Protein backbone atom coordinates (compact mmCIF):
# COMPACT_ATOMS: atom_id res chain seq x y z
CA UNK A 1 25.76 11.30 251.12
CA UNK A 2 28.39 9.92 248.75
CA UNK A 3 25.62 8.79 246.33
CA UNK A 4 23.97 12.31 246.50
CA UNK A 5 27.42 14.04 245.93
CA UNK A 6 28.00 11.74 242.89
CA UNK A 7 24.71 12.58 241.37
CA UNK A 8 25.65 16.27 241.02
CA UNK A 9 22.04 17.29 240.60
CA UNK A 10 21.25 14.50 238.23
CA UNK A 11 18.46 12.49 240.01
CA UNK A 12 17.81 9.46 237.88
CA UNK A 13 15.06 7.03 239.25
CA UNK A 14 14.94 3.40 238.07
CA UNK A 15 11.97 1.06 238.68
CA UNK A 16 13.88 -1.92 237.58
CA UNK A 17 17.73 -2.00 237.28
CA UNK A 18 20.92 -3.78 236.90
CA UNK A 19 23.81 -3.37 239.30
CA UNK A 20 27.51 -3.90 238.41
CA UNK A 21 30.25 -3.52 240.86
CA UNK A 22 33.95 -3.80 239.85
CA UNK A 23 36.88 -3.61 242.14
CA UNK A 24 40.24 -2.71 240.71
CA UNK A 25 42.73 -4.04 243.12
CA UNK A 26 46.56 -4.25 243.65
CA UNK A 27 48.74 -5.86 246.34
CA UNK A 28 47.76 -8.85 248.22
CA UNK A 29 45.08 -11.21 246.78
CA UNK A 30 41.61 -10.03 246.48
CA UNK A 31 39.05 -11.02 249.08
CA UNK A 32 35.97 -11.71 246.97
CA UNK A 33 33.80 -12.50 249.99
CA UNK A 34 34.50 -9.03 251.39
CA UNK A 35 33.63 -7.35 248.13
CA UNK A 36 30.27 -9.30 247.92
CA UNK A 37 29.43 -8.66 251.58
CA UNK A 38 30.29 -4.93 251.30
CA UNK A 39 27.96 -4.34 248.48
CA UNK A 40 24.73 -4.57 250.41
CA UNK A 41 25.06 -1.24 252.18
CA UNK A 42 26.06 0.36 248.97
CA UNK A 43 22.92 -0.84 247.08
CA UNK A 44 20.95 0.28 250.13
CA UNK A 45 22.45 3.78 249.71
CA UNK A 46 20.96 3.91 246.22
CA UNK A 47 17.54 3.35 247.91
CA UNK A 48 18.27 6.07 250.39
CA UNK A 49 19.13 8.49 247.54
CA UNK A 50 15.75 7.53 245.88
CA UNK A 51 17.64 6.24 242.76
CA UNK A 52 15.85 2.83 243.18
CA UNK A 53 12.60 1.83 244.86
CA UNK A 54 13.66 -1.55 246.23
CA UNK A 55 16.74 -3.81 245.94
CA UNK A 56 14.79 -7.02 246.23
CA UNK A 57 14.98 -9.58 243.39
CA UNK A 58 11.08 -9.52 243.30
CA UNK A 59 10.99 -7.64 239.98
CA UNK A 60 13.33 -4.69 240.77
CA UNK A 61 16.78 -6.07 240.60
CA UNK A 62 17.05 -7.80 237.20
CA UNK A 63 20.74 -8.57 237.28
CA UNK A 64 23.60 -8.16 239.78
CA UNK A 65 27.24 -8.65 238.75
CA UNK A 66 30.44 -8.52 240.81
CA UNK A 67 33.80 -8.52 239.10
CA UNK A 68 37.42 -7.65 239.74
CA UNK A 69 40.54 -6.63 237.95
CA UNK A 70 44.10 -6.46 239.05
CA UNK A 71 45.81 -3.08 238.39
CA UNK A 72 49.57 -2.48 238.29
CA UNK A 73 49.75 0.35 240.84
CA UNK A 74 48.17 1.07 244.33
CA UNK A 75 47.14 4.48 242.91
CA UNK A 76 44.88 2.70 240.39
CA UNK A 77 42.72 0.97 242.95
CA UNK A 78 39.13 1.78 242.93
CA UNK A 79 35.63 0.39 242.97
CA UNK A 80 33.23 1.35 240.16
CA UNK A 81 29.49 1.00 240.68
CA UNK A 82 27.09 1.20 237.76
CA UNK A 83 23.33 1.10 238.22
CA UNK A 84 21.44 0.93 234.92
CA UNK A 85 17.73 1.37 234.53
CA UNK A 86 16.10 -1.43 232.48
CA UNK A 87 12.98 0.61 231.74
CA UNK A 88 15.13 3.57 230.60
CA UNK A 89 18.42 4.17 228.78
CA UNK A 90 19.75 5.94 231.87
CA UNK A 91 22.90 4.82 233.54
CA UNK A 92 24.51 5.96 236.79
CA UNK A 93 28.12 5.37 237.41
CA UNK A 94 29.89 6.06 240.69
């Protein structure tokens, strides 16, 4: 539902795509393994929202990046997800 709300009527569809997930964190040290393991259901949500056909590396997912950046205040914490179509110039950021 979050993906559909973020689309706001914009329904891009990508046959091949890149996924980039950045966590902006503050406080105790980042748990990079938790970030990596938590992204699977998120990418699956893009399939459920019909933004992507498949998340397998068999020609659909061209590139997948995880990154993190420390921010000075707890209020600045967030996770940014960008799915970019390779066959188009469209980009979806949530």
